[in-house]
C-alpha atoms as a PDB file:
ATOM      1  CA  MET A   1       8.394  27.699   0.177  1.00  0.00           C
ATOM      2  CA  LYS A   2      12.086  27.195  -0.562  1.00  0.00           C
ATOM      3  CA  ILE A   3      14.038  29.650  -2.734  1.00  0.00           C
ATOM      4  CA  LEU A   4      17.547  29.433  -4.208  1.00  0.00           C
ATOM      5  CA  LEU A   5      19.257  32.813  -4.550  1.00  0.00           C
ATOM      6  CA  ILE A   6      22.355  32.976  -6.770  1.00  0.00           C
ATOM      7  CA  GLU A   7      23.723  36.511  -6.439  1.00  0.00           C
ATOM      8  CA  ASP A   8      27.361  37.620  -6.095  1.00  0.00           C
ATOM      9  CA  ASP A   9      26.612  41.089  -4.669  1.00  0.00           C
ATOM     10  CA  ARG A  10      26.931  40.542  -0.916  1.00  0.00           C
ATOM     11  CA  ASP A  11      24.760  43.501   0.133  1.00  0.00           C
ATOM     12  CA  LEU A  12      21.986  42.750  -2.355  1.00  0.00           C
ATOM     13  CA  SER A  13      22.045  39.074  -1.415  1.00  0.00           C
ATOM     14  CA  HIS A  14      21.676  40.001   2.246  1.00  0.00           C
ATOM     15  CA  LEU A  15      18.704  42.291   1.541  1.00  0.00           C
ATOM     16  CA  ILE A  16      16.932  39.697  -0.589  1.00  0.00           C
ATOM     17  CA  CYS A  17      17.517  36.928   1.970  1.00  0.00           C
ATOM     18  CA  LEU A  18      16.178  39.171   4.724  1.00  0.00           C
ATOM     19  CA  ALA A  19      13.010  39.907   2.751  1.00  0.00           C
ATOM     20  CA  LEU A  20      12.492  36.248   1.856  1.00  0.00           C
ATOM     21  CA  ASN A  21      12.993  35.116   5.430  1.00  0.00           C
ATOM     22  CA  GLN A  22      10.596  37.786   6.732  1.00  0.00           C
ATOM     23  CA  ALA A  23       8.030  36.462   4.248  1.00  0.00           C
ATOM     24  CA  GLY A  24       8.434  32.995   5.763  1.00  0.00           C
ATOM     25  CA  MET A  25      10.470  31.544   2.905  1.00  0.00           C
ATOM     26  CA  ASP A  26      13.420  29.198   3.397  1.00  0.00           C
ATOM     27  CA  THR A  27      16.424  30.463   1.415  1.00  0.00           C
ATOM     28  CA  ASP A  28      19.703  28.996   0.210  1.00  0.00           C
ATOM     29  CA  ALA A  29      22.102  31.699  -1.018  1.00  0.00           C
ATOM     30  CA  CYS A  30      25.145  31.222  -3.272  1.00  0.00           C
ATOM     31  CA  ARG A  31      27.606  33.809  -4.563  1.00  0.00           C
ATOM     32  CA  THR A  32      29.291  31.875  -7.398  1.00  0.00           C
ATOM     33  CA  GLY A  33      27.876  30.232 -10.476  1.00  0.00           C
ATOM     34  CA  SER A  34      29.457  26.852  -9.738  1.00  0.00           C
ATOM     35  CA  ASP A  35      27.952  26.705  -6.243  1.00  0.00           C
ATOM     36  CA  GLY A  36      24.589  27.821  -7.566  1.00  0.00           C
ATOM     37  CA  LEU A  37      24.557  25.173 -10.295  1.00  0.00           C
ATOM     38  CA  PHE A  38      25.419  22.466  -7.769  1.00  0.00           C
ATOM     39  CA  TYR A  39      22.585  23.469  -5.439  1.00  0.00           C
ATOM     40  CA  ALA A  40      20.092  23.852  -8.282  1.00  0.00           C
ATOM     41  CA  LYS A  41      20.889  20.377  -9.638  1.00  0.00           C
ATOM     42  CA  ASN A  42      20.893  18.588  -6.299  1.00  0.00           C
ATOM     43  CA  GLN A  43      18.132  20.217  -4.254  1.00  0.00           C
ATOM     44  CA  VAL A  44      14.467  20.916  -4.790  1.00  0.00           C
ATOM     45  CA  TYR A  45      13.305  24.550  -4.891  1.00  0.00           C
ATOM     46  CA  ASP A  46      10.037  26.305  -5.531  1.00  0.00           C
ATOM     47  CA  ALA A  47      11.847  29.083  -7.434  1.00  0.00           C
ATOM     48  CA  ILE A  48      15.343  30.328  -8.275  1.00  0.00           C
ATOM     49  CA  VAL A  49      16.487  33.971  -8.349  1.00  0.00           C
ATOM     50  CA  LEU A  50      19.476  33.969 -10.676  1.00  0.00           C
ATOM     51  CA  ASP A  51      21.912  36.803 -11.395  1.00  0.00           C
ATOM     52  CA  ARG A  52      23.044  36.835 -14.998  1.00  0.00           C
ATOM     53  CA  MET A  53      26.603  38.055 -14.333  1.00  0.00           C
ATOM     54  CA  LEU A  54      28.327  35.659 -11.908  1.00  0.00           C
ATOM     55  CA  PRO A  55      31.893  34.530 -11.205  1.00  0.00           C
ATOM     56  CA  GLU A  56      32.964  31.088 -12.477  1.00  0.00           C
ATOM     57  CA  ILE A  57      29.755  30.266 -14.403  1.00  0.00           C
ATOM     58  CA  ASP A  58      27.398  32.910 -15.806  1.00  0.00           C
ATOM     59  CA  GLY A  59      23.664  32.878 -15.230  1.00  0.00           C
ATOM     60  CA  LEU A  60      22.627  32.014 -18.786  1.00  0.00           C
ATOM     61  CA  THR A  61      24.930  28.993 -18.805  1.00  0.00           C
ATOM     62  CA  ILE A  62      23.424  27.820 -15.501  1.00  0.00           C
ATOM     63  CA  LEU A  63      19.901  28.323 -16.807  1.00  0.00           C
ATOM     64  CA  GLU A  64      20.551  26.419 -20.028  1.00  0.00           C
ATOM     65  CA  ALA A  65      22.201  23.568 -18.096  1.00  0.00           C
ATOM     66  CA  LEU A  66      19.184  23.225 -15.806  1.00  0.00           C
ATOM     67  CA  ARG A  67      16.700  23.183 -18.664  1.00  0.00           C
ATOM     68  CA  ARG A  68      18.754  20.562 -20.545  1.00  0.00           C
ATOM     69  CA  ARG A  69      18.557  18.339 -17.465  1.00  0.00           C
ATOM     70  CA  GLY A  70      14.781  18.686 -17.402  1.00  0.00           C
ATOM     71  CA  ILE A  71      14.755  20.850 -14.256  1.00  0.00           C
ATOM     72  CA  LYS A  72      11.701  23.077 -14.661  1.00  0.00           C
ATOM     73  CA  THR A  73      11.937  25.127 -11.460  1.00  0.00           C
ATOM     74  CA  PRO A  74      10.696  28.678 -12.155  1.00  0.00           C
ATOM     75  CA  VAL A  75      13.645  31.056 -12.630  1.00  0.00           C
ATOM     76  CA  ILE A  76      13.685  34.835 -12.304  1.00  0.00           C
ATOM     77  CA  LEU A  77      16.775  36.191 -14.049  1.00  0.00           C
ATOM     78  CA  THR A  78      18.176  39.426 -12.603  1.00  0.00           C
ATOM     79  CA  THR A  79      20.690  41.598 -14.415  1.00  0.00           C
ATOM     80  CA  ALA A  80      21.987  45.091 -15.023  1.00  0.00           C
ATOM     81  CA  LEU A  81      21.699  44.360 -18.774  1.00  0.00           C
ATOM     82  CA  GLY A  82      18.299  45.719 -19.697  1.00  0.00           C
ATOM     83  CA  THR A  83      18.200  45.951 -23.498  1.00  0.00           C
ATOM     84  CA  LEU A  84      15.479  44.167 -25.444  1.00  0.00           C
ATOM     85  CA  HIS A  85      18.081  41.769 -26.875  1.00  0.00           C
ATOM     86  CA  ASP A  86      19.318  40.865 -23.373  1.00  0.00           C
ATOM     87  CA  ARG A  87      15.775  40.183 -22.165  1.00  0.00           C
ATOM     88  CA  ILE A  88      15.035  38.016 -25.189  1.00  0.00           C
ATOM     89  CA  ASP A  89      18.251  36.023 -24.639  1.00  0.00           C
ATOM     90  CA  GLY A  90      17.274  35.360 -21.033  1.00  0.00           C
ATOM     91  CA  LEU A  91      13.730  34.288 -21.834  1.00  0.00           C
ATOM     92  CA  ASP A  92      14.884  32.118 -24.742  1.00  0.00           C
ATOM     93  CA  ALA A  93      17.358  30.385 -22.411  1.00  0.00           C
ATOM     94  CA  GLY A  94      14.443  29.302 -20.227  1.00  0.00           C
ATOM     95  CA  ALA A  95      13.834  32.113 -17.741  1.00  0.00           C
ATOM     96  CA  ASP A  96      10.269  32.517 -16.485  1.00  0.00           C
ATOM     97  CA  ASP A  97      10.710  36.199 -15.719  1.00  0.00           C
ATOM     98  CA  TYR A  98      13.333  38.940 -16.087  1.00  0.00           C
ATOM     99  CA  LEU A  99      14.107  41.736 -13.644  1.00  0.00           C
ATOM    100  CA  VAL A 100      16.469  44.609 -14.449  1.00  0.00           C
ATOM    101  CA  LYS A 101      18.730  46.027 -11.717  1.00  0.00           C
ATOM    102  CA  PRO A 102      18.282  48.139  -9.715  1.00  0.00           C
ATOM    103  CA  PHE A 103      14.887  46.815  -8.656  1.00  0.00           C
ATOM    104  CA  ALA A 104      12.665  47.173  -5.623  1.00  0.00           C
ATOM    105  CA  ILE A 105      12.661  44.168  -3.319  1.00  0.00           C
ATOM    106  CA  GLU A 106       8.859  44.424  -3.241  1.00  0.00           C
ATOM    107  CA  GLU A 107       8.743  43.900  -7.002  1.00  0.00           C
ATOM    108  CA  LEU A 108      10.960  40.831  -6.742  1.00  0.00           C
ATOM    109  CA  MET A 109       8.658  39.401  -4.071  1.00  0.00           C
ATOM    110  CA  ALA A 110       5.607  40.028  -6.269  1.00  0.00           C
ATOM    111  CA  ARG A 111       7.257  38.320  -9.224  1.00  0.00           C
ATOM    112  CA  LEU A 112       8.198  35.342  -7.053  1.00  0.00           C
ATOM    113  CA  ARG A 113       4.586  35.011  -5.949  1.00  0.00           C
ATOM    114  CA  ALA A 114       3.512  35.159  -9.597  1.00  0.00           C
ATOM    115  CA  VAL A 115       5.886  32.495 -10.957  1.00  0.00           C
ATOM    116  CA  THR A 116       5.190  30.096  -8.088  1.00  0.00           C
ATOM    117  CA  ARG A 117       1.420  30.391  -8.678  1.00  0.00           C
ATOM    118  CA  ARG A 118       1.728  29.158 -12.249  1.00  0.00           C
ATOM    119  CA  PRO A 119       0.523  25.568 -12.668  1.00  0.00           C
ATOM    120  CA  ALA A 120       3.248  22.996 -13.199  1.00  0.00           C
ATOM    121  CA  ASN A 121       1.591  21.689 -16.370  1.00  0.00           C
ATOM    122  CA  LEU A 122       2.640  24.858 -18.180  1.00  0.00           C
ATOM    123  CA  HIS A 123       6.113  23.317 -18.249  1.00  0.00           C
ATOM    124  CA  THR A 124       6.162  20.418 -20.665  1.00  0.00           C
ATOM    125  CA  SER A 125       8.013  17.275 -19.662  1.00  0.00           C
ATOM    126  CA  SER A 126      10.793  15.913 -21.805  1.00  0.00           C
ATOM    127  CA  VAL A 127      11.916  12.308 -22.098  1.00  0.00           C
ATOM    128  CA  LEU A 128      14.990  11.463 -20.026  1.00  0.00           C
ATOM    129  CA  SER A 129      17.666   8.996 -21.118  1.00  0.00           C
ATOM    130  CA  ALA A 130      20.499   7.383 -19.175  1.00  0.00           C
ATOM    131  CA  PHE A 131      22.342   4.063 -19.297  1.00  0.00           C
ATOM    132  CA  GLY A 132      19.955   2.625 -21.901  1.00  0.00           C
ATOM    133  CA  LEU A 133      16.840   3.679 -19.979  1.00  0.00           C
ATOM    134  CA  SER A 134      14.216   6.043 -21.353  1.00  0.00           C
ATOM    135  CA  LEU A 135      11.686   7.688 -19.044  1.00  0.00           C
ATOM    136  CA  ASP A 136       8.732   9.866 -19.996  1.00  0.00           C
ATOM    137  CA  PRO A 137       7.928  11.668 -16.702  1.00  0.00           C
ATOM    138  CA  CYS A 138       4.639  13.006 -18.053  1.00  0.00           C
ATOM    139  CA  GLU A 139       3.317   9.568 -19.044  1.00  0.00           C
ATOM    140  CA  ARG A 140       5.286   7.867 -16.232  1.00  0.00           C
ATOM    141  CA  ARG A 141       6.494   5.218 -18.683  1.00  0.00           C
ATOM    142  CA  LEU A 142       9.881   3.517 -18.471  1.00  0.00           C
ATOM    143  CA  THR A 143      11.297   1.954 -21.633  1.00  0.00           C
ATOM    144  CA  VAL A 144      14.267  -0.366 -22.087  1.00  0.00           C
ATOM    145  CA  GLY A 145      14.793  -1.508 -25.665  1.00  0.00           C
ATOM    146  CA  ASP A 146      11.442  -2.755 -26.976  1.00  0.00           C
ATOM    147  CA  ALA A 147       9.953  -3.322 -23.527  1.00  0.00           C
ATOM    148  CA  SER A 148       8.191  -0.729 -21.389  1.00  0.00           C
ATOM    149  CA  VAL A 149       6.235  -0.490 -18.163  1.00  0.00           C
ATOM    150  CA  SER A 150       4.049   2.096 -16.440  1.00  0.00           C
ATOM    151  CA  LEU A 151       5.318   3.466 -13.119  1.00  0.00           C
ATOM    152  CA  SER A 152       3.493   4.857 -10.124  1.00  0.00           C
ATOM    153  CA  LYS A 153       3.826   8.574  -9.392  1.00  0.00           C
ATOM    154  CA  ARG A 154       6.458   7.980  -6.690  1.00  0.00           C
ATOM    155  CA  GLU A 155       8.387   5.420  -8.737  1.00  0.00           C
ATOM    156  CA  SER A 156       8.514   7.802 -11.686  1.00  0.00           C
ATOM    157  CA  ALA A 157       9.671  10.761  -9.582  1.00  0.00           C
ATOM    158  CA  LEU A 158      12.311   8.606  -7.895  1.00  0.00           C
ATOM    159  CA  LEU A 159      13.704   7.271 -11.163  1.00  0.00           C
ATOM    160  CA  GLU A 160      13.528  10.753 -12.700  1.00  0.00           C
ATOM    161  CA  TYR A 161      15.845  12.096  -9.992  1.00  0.00           C
ATOM    162  CA  PHE A 162      18.322   9.261 -10.501  1.00  0.00           C
ATOM    163  CA  MET A 163      18.283   9.717 -14.285  1.00  0.00           C
ATOM    164  CA  LYS A 164      18.937  13.438 -13.914  1.00  0.00           C
ATOM    165  CA  ASN A 165      22.017  12.526 -11.875  1.00  0.00           C
ATOM    166  CA  PRO A 166      23.339   9.293 -13.437  1.00  0.00           C
ATOM    167  CA  GLY A 167      26.306   7.747 -11.659  1.00  0.00           C
ATOM    168  CA  GLN A 168      26.078  10.192  -8.744  1.00  0.00           C
ATOM    169  CA  THR A 169      25.516   9.210  -5.134  1.00  0.00           C
ATOM    170  CA  LEU A 170      22.356  10.971  -4.002  1.00  0.00           C
ATOM    171  CA  PRO A 171      21.890  11.585  -0.260  1.00  0.00           C
ATOM    172  CA  ARG A 172      18.704  10.218   1.268  1.00  0.00           C
ATOM    173  CA  SER A 173      17.619  13.703   2.387  1.00  0.00           C
ATOM    174  CA  MET A 174      17.795  15.086  -1.150  1.00  0.00           C
ATOM    175  CA  ILE A 175      15.905  12.108  -2.585  1.00  0.00           C
ATOM    176  CA  LEU A 176      13.161  12.513   0.009  1.00  0.00           C
ATOM    177  CA  SER A 177      12.911  16.247  -0.750  1.00  0.00           C
ATOM    178  CA  TYR A 178      12.681  15.665  -4.498  1.00  0.00           C
ATOM    179  CA  VAL A 179      10.151  12.823  -4.421  1.00  0.00           C
ATOM    180  CA  TRP A 180       7.969  13.731  -1.449  1.00  0.00           C
ATOM    181  CA  GLY A 181       8.539  17.485  -1.163  1.00  0.00           C
ATOM    182  CA  VAL A 182      10.663  19.711   1.015  1.00  0.00           C
ATOM    183  CA  SER A 183       8.143  20.083   3.833  1.00  0.00           C
ATOM    184  CA  SER A 184       6.941  16.467   3.819  1.00  0.00           C
ATOM    185  CA  GLU A 185       7.190  14.457   7.036  1.00  0.00           C
ATOM    186  CA  VAL A 186       7.458  11.113   5.230  1.00  0.00           C
ATOM    187  CA  GLU A 187       9.333   8.366   7.069  1.00  0.00           C
ATOM    188  CA  GLU A 188      12.668   7.310   5.584  1.00  0.00           C
ATOM    189  CA  GLY A 189      11.471   3.714   5.433  1.00  0.00           C
ATOM    190  CA  ASN A 190       9.142   4.730   2.594  1.00  0.00           C
ATOM    191  CA  LEU A 191      12.186   5.544   0.485  1.00  0.00           C
ATOM    192  CA  ASP A 192      13.602   2.061   1.033  1.00  0.00           C
ATOM    193  CA  ASN A 193      10.265   0.555   0.028  1.00  0.00           C
ATOM    194  CA  TYR A 194      10.170   2.486  -3.232  1.00  0.00           C
ATOM    195  CA  ILE A 195      13.797   1.642  -3.973  1.00  0.00           C
ATOM    196  CA  TYR A 196      12.742  -2.009  -3.660  1.00  0.00           C
ATOM    197  CA  PHE A 197       9.759  -1.471  -5.977  1.00  0.00           C
ATOM    198  CA  LEU A 198      11.940   0.307  -8.532  1.00  0.00           C
ATOM    199  CA  ARG A 199      14.576  -2.420  -8.448  1.00  0.00           C
ATOM    200  CA  ARG A 200      11.860  -4.964  -9.276  1.00  0.00           C
ATOM    201  CA  ARG A 201      10.709  -2.840 -12.206  1.00  0.00           C
ATOM    202  CA  LEU A 202      14.251  -2.583 -13.565  1.00  0.00           C
ATOM    203  CA  LYS A 203      14.833  -6.316 -13.148  1.00  0.00           C
ATOM    204  CA  ALA A 204      11.583  -7.153 -14.952  1.00  0.00           C
ATOM    205  CA  LEU A 205      12.767  -5.097 -17.937  1.00  0.00           C
ATOM    206  CA  ASP A 206      16.241  -6.650 -17.774  1.00  0.00           C
ATOM    207  CA  ALA A 207      17.618  -3.115 -17.538  1.00  0.00           C
ATOM    208  CA  PRO A 208      21.419  -2.832 -17.752  1.00  0.00           C
ATOM    209  CA  VAL A 209      21.582  -0.764 -14.547  1.00  0.00           C
ATOM    210  CA  LYS A 210      21.497  -1.202 -10.800  1.00  0.00           C
ATOM    211  CA  LEU A 211      20.473   0.940  -7.868  1.00  0.00           C
ATOM    212  CA  THR A 212      23.419   0.707  -5.521  1.00  0.00           C
ATOM    213  CA  THR A 213      23.055   1.328  -1.805  1.00  0.00           C
ATOM    214  CA  VAL A 214      25.777   3.637  -0.491  1.00  0.00           C
ATOM    215  CA  HIS A 215      25.678   2.887   3.215  1.00  0.00           C
ATOM    216  CA  GLY A 216      25.313   5.895   5.454  1.00  0.00           C
ATOM    217  CA  ILE A 217      24.669   8.217   2.502  1.00  0.00           C
ATOM    218  CA  GLY A 218      22.012   7.168   0.000  1.00  0.00           C
ATOM    219  CA  TYR A 219      21.721   5.510  -3.397  1.00  0.00           C
ATOM    220  CA  ARG A 220      23.319   5.646  -6.857  1.00  0.00           C
ATOM    221  CA  LEU A 221      22.064   4.624 -10.323  1.00  0.00           C
ATOM    222  CA  GLU A 222      24.877   3.030 -12.324  1.00  0.00           C
ATOM    223  CA  LYS A 223      25.569   0.506 -15.050  1.00  0.00           C
ATOM    224  CA  SER A 224      25.343  -3.099 -13.948  1.00  0.00           C
END
């Protein structure tokens, strides 16, 4: 299980990372909101522990940005602000759980186990749009103008990642993690095969985009 921890308190971050690592979880830790947002948008995590009060970008802004992009990773929001209004704001912004500081590390671990047990279908998919493409990840249907086509599970997940990051060069390692899973031992050649399949789909729909190979790095979805 891979966890993203976004917490600016150095001592608390160290304690949480220690507990997560002892529980056999892989952890990425960030201490600023901008770093946390970058990691959350460009890596795949099983859950995110997010401090509400952060330098550069606050936790609620990060949470809202992730949900707008269709990223449904479970998020536990942690904060010293414990009023009912604060908790409601956090949950309305898209948090899956809310933990008031100071808290016991054991309680955080229990809440992480709870949010990662919840079935993914509790989080409804939203239609993604980019460069004239429209993708319904739930139905795995790609639409361009009046034409549409059904995609395979891998094709849909691959295109979903590109459409969440339009115009950005995505490293091969991150694409593999997103589409096949963090712990998957899939061969990199499978990615090239699915890029080929997806290019054929886009060409058949006369889509105004191209999947550009960035040699030595990965791929990028951009206007043709």
